[in-house]
Amino acid sequence: MTKIKLEEHEIKQLKESTHTEHTEYADLGVIEYNLKKLEHQKIEAINKITQSKELIDLLLKKLQEKHGPGTLNLETGEFTTTK
């Protein structure tokens, strides 16, 4: 077996490339973490939207039970019956 001493520029290139590779792996880990965090936030937002829609439907149903069929104008605060 023969040991060959690498030239300084070869060692430097290998060290820089290895450092870049490790940095990119670390960056990739951060990106993956952020993607999972965003996915969790997306799911939470979708759940909140669903809950809001269900509450709106329930409130409109209660209004219709109280006043009969109609439409609601949130700007004026008026419920107009369609009877």
Protein backbone atom coordinates (compact mmCIF):
# COMPACT_ATOMS: atom_id res chain seq x y z
CA MET A 1 0.00 0.00 0.00
CA THR A 2 1.23 3.43 -0.90
CA LYS A 3 0.25 6.58 0.93
CA ILE A 4 -0.07 9.61 -1.30
CA LYS A 5 -0.03 13.06 0.22
CA LEU A 6 -2.80 15.20 -1.25
CA GLU A 7 -2.05 18.70 -2.40
CA GLU A 8 -3.30 21.59 -0.28
CA HIS A 9 -5.87 22.73 -2.86
CA GLU A 10 -7.29 19.19 -3.06
CA ILE A 11 -7.63 19.00 0.72
CA LYS A 12 -9.17 22.46 0.77
CA GLN A 13 -11.72 21.53 -1.93
CA LEU A 14 -12.68 18.34 -0.12
CA LYS A 15 -13.07 20.11 3.22
CA GLU A 16 -15.17 22.88 1.66
CA SER A 17 -17.36 20.37 -0.15
CA THR A 18 -17.81 18.32 3.01
CA HIS A 19 -18.70 21.46 4.97
CA THR A 20 -21.21 22.48 2.30
CA GLU A 21 -22.77 19.02 2.35
CA HIS A 22 -23.16 19.09 6.15
CA THR A 23 -24.61 22.60 6.02
CA GLU A 24 -27.15 21.55 3.39
CA TYR A 25 -28.16 18.52 5.46
CA ALA A 26 -28.71 20.81 8.44
CA ASP A 27 -30.71 23.26 6.28
CA LEU A 28 -32.78 20.37 4.95
CA GLY A 29 -33.60 19.35 8.52
CA VAL A 30 -34.79 22.88 9.30
CA ILE A 31 -36.89 22.91 6.13
CA GLU A 32 -38.48 19.57 7.02
CA TYR A 33 -39.24 20.82 10.53
CA ASN A 34 -40.83 23.99 9.13
CA LEU A 35 -42.90 21.98 6.64
CA LYS A 36 -44.26 19.79 9.43
CA LYS A 37 -45.00 22.88 11.51
CA LEU A 38 -46.81 24.52 8.57
CA GLU A 39 -48.78 21.32 7.90
CA HIS A 40 -49.87 21.31 11.55
CA GLN A 41 -50.90 24.99 11.30
CA LYS A 42 -52.82 24.22 8.11
CA ILE A 43 -54.72 21.42 9.82
CA GLU A 44 -55.53 23.68 12.78
CA ALA A 45 -56.79 26.42 10.43
CA ILE A 46 -58.97 23.96 8.53
CA ASN A 47 -60.41 22.67 11.82
CA LYS A 48 -61.18 26.21 13.00
CA ILE A 49 -62.88 27.01 9.68
CA THR A 50 -64.96 23.83 9.97
CA GLN A 51 -65.93 24.68 13.55
CA SER A 52 -66.88 28.23 12.52
CA LYS A 53 -69.04 26.96 9.67
CA GLU A 54 -70.76 24.49 11.97
CA LEU A 55 -71.46 27.25 14.52
CA ILE A 56 -72.80 29.57 11.81
CA ASP A 57 -75.09 26.80 10.54
CA LEU A 58 -76.32 26.14 14.08
CA LEU A 59 -76.99 29.83 14.76
CA LEU A 60 -78.83 30.25 11.45
CA LYS A 61 -80.89 27.15 12.23
CA LYS A 62 -81.84 28.61 15.62
CA LEU A 63 -82.84 31.90 13.96
CA GLN A 64 -84.98 30.03 11.45
CA GLU A 65 -86.60 27.99 14.22
CA LYS A 66 -87.37 31.20 16.08
CA HIS A 67 -88.47 33.39 13.15
CA GLY A 68 -89.15 30.95 10.30
CA PRO A 69 -87.29 30.68 7.00
CA GLY A 70 -85.39 33.77 5.94
CA THR A 71 -82.11 35.47 5.24
CA LEU A 72 -79.67 37.27 7.48
CA ASN A 73 -77.95 40.54 6.71
CA LEU A 74 -75.01 40.89 9.07
CA GLU A 75 -74.32 44.46 7.91
CA THR A 76 -77.72 45.69 9.11
CA GLY A 77 -78.32 43.04 11.76
CA GLU A 78 -81.66 42.21 10.18
CA PHE A 79 -83.24 38.82 9.60
CA THR A 80 -85.76 38.96 6.78
CA THR A 81 -88.37 36.24 6.74
CA THR A 82 -89.39 34.71 3.44
CA LYS A 83 -92.94 33.79 4.51
